[in-house]
Protein backbone atom coordinates (compact mmCIF):
# COMPACT_ATOMS: atom_id res chain seq x y z
CA MET A 1 0.00 0.00 0.00
CA ALA A 2 1.22 3.52 -0.82
CA THR A 3 0.43 6.92 0.61
CA ILE A 4 -0.25 9.57 -2.02
CA ILE A 5 0.08 13.29 -1.33
CA LEU A 6 -1.47 15.57 -3.92
CA ASN A 7 -0.87 19.32 -3.84
CA HIS A 8 -2.11 22.05 -6.16
CA ARG A 9 -3.41 25.59 -6.11
CA VAL A 10 -7.05 26.51 -6.67
CA SER A 11 -8.75 29.83 -7.33
CA ASP A 12 -11.51 29.17 -4.78
CA TYR A 13 -11.38 26.35 -2.26
CA ASN A 14 -15.15 26.00 -1.76
CA SER A 15 -15.85 25.76 -5.50
CA TRP A 16 -13.03 23.26 -5.95
CA LYS A 17 -14.17 21.18 -2.95
CA ALA A 18 -17.73 20.93 -4.28
CA LEU A 19 -16.50 19.41 -7.56
CA TYR A 20 -13.93 17.26 -5.75
CA ASP A 21 -16.72 15.78 -3.62
CA LEU A 22 -18.76 14.98 -6.73
CA ASP A 23 -15.80 13.03 -8.12
CA LEU A 24 -15.84 10.49 -5.27
CA PRO A 25 -16.92 7.57 -7.51
CA ARG A 26 -13.76 7.97 -9.63
CA ARG A 27 -11.55 7.82 -6.54
CA ALA A 28 -13.46 4.86 -5.13
CA THR A 29 -13.09 2.95 -8.42
CA ALA A 30 -9.37 3.73 -8.37
CA GLY A 31 -9.12 2.22 -4.89
CA LEU A 32 -8.19 5.44 -3.12
CA THR A 33 -8.99 5.94 0.55
CA GLU A 34 -8.96 9.56 1.65
CA LEU A 35 -6.93 10.21 4.78
CA ALA A 36 -6.93 14.01 4.87
CA ILE A 37 -7.84 17.06 2.84
CA GLY A 38 -7.18 20.67 3.65
CA GLN A 39 -5.67 24.02 2.91
CA LYS A 40 -2.17 25.07 3.81
CA GLU A 41 -2.19 27.34 6.86
CA GLY A 42 -2.25 30.94 5.69
CA GLU A 43 -2.68 29.96 2.03
CA PRO A 44 -6.34 29.06 1.43
CA GLY A 45 -5.79 28.35 -2.28
CA ASN A 46 -3.03 25.82 -1.60
CA VAL A 47 -4.75 22.44 -1.30
CA PHE A 48 -3.39 19.14 -0.05
CA VAL A 49 -5.09 15.76 -0.35
CA ILE A 50 -3.69 12.58 1.20
CA TRP A 51 -4.85 9.13 0.13
CA HIS A 52 -3.94 5.51 0.69
CA ALA A 53 -3.78 3.51 -2.52
CA LYS A 54 -3.48 -0.23 -3.06
CA ASP A 55 -1.65 0.46 -6.33
CA ALA A 56 0.19 3.77 -6.71
CA SER A 57 0.31 3.44 -10.51
CA ILE A 58 -3.46 3.90 -10.69
CA VAL A 59 -3.04 7.47 -9.42
CA GLN A 60 -0.73 8.39 -12.29
CA LYS A 61 -3.20 6.84 -14.74
CA MET A 62 -6.12 8.68 -13.12
CA MET A 63 -4.30 12.04 -13.15
CA SER A 64 -3.60 11.75 -16.89
CA ASP A 65 -7.29 11.14 -17.70
CA PRO A 66 -8.48 14.02 -19.96
CA GLU A 67 -11.91 13.96 -18.31
CA LEU A 68 -10.37 14.49 -14.88
CA GLN A 69 -8.12 17.23 -16.23
CA GLN A 70 -11.20 19.04 -17.61
CA ARG A 71 -13.04 18.62 -14.30
CA MET A 72 -10.04 20.05 -12.44
CA LYS A 73 -10.00 23.05 -14.78
CA GLU A 74 -13.73 23.57 -14.16
CA GLY A 75 -13.07 23.33 -10.42
CA GLY A 76 -10.58 26.18 -10.52
CA VAL A 77 -7.30 24.30 -10.33
CA ILE A 78 -4.67 26.86 -11.36
CA SER A 79 -1.43 24.89 -11.02
CA ALA A 80 -0.25 21.51 -12.18
CA PRO A 81 -0.82 18.95 -9.44
CA GLU A 82 2.27 17.77 -7.62
CA VAL A 83 1.93 14.11 -6.71
CA THR A 84 4.21 12.55 -4.09
CA ILE A 85 4.14 8.79 -3.57
CA LEU A 86 5.36 7.33 -0.29
CA ASN A 87 5.95 3.59 -0.10
């Protein structure tokens, strides 16, 4: 099992979070278990998400999905996601 840390910037946390919540089925299908989600202290547009994943490669595949990339754009993501995988 791997721990995945995703970090990116968003234009508005609440708008982003609403779309993120709607995307739960995609994460469930990918086998991701959410451990934490939040904003960096003092930087409300700097978002961190931490998941457990049975297979870390599925995250890379999921992040390259054009549909997810469009959804992220619609949700106000304004920086490329940085994905850190801990084994």
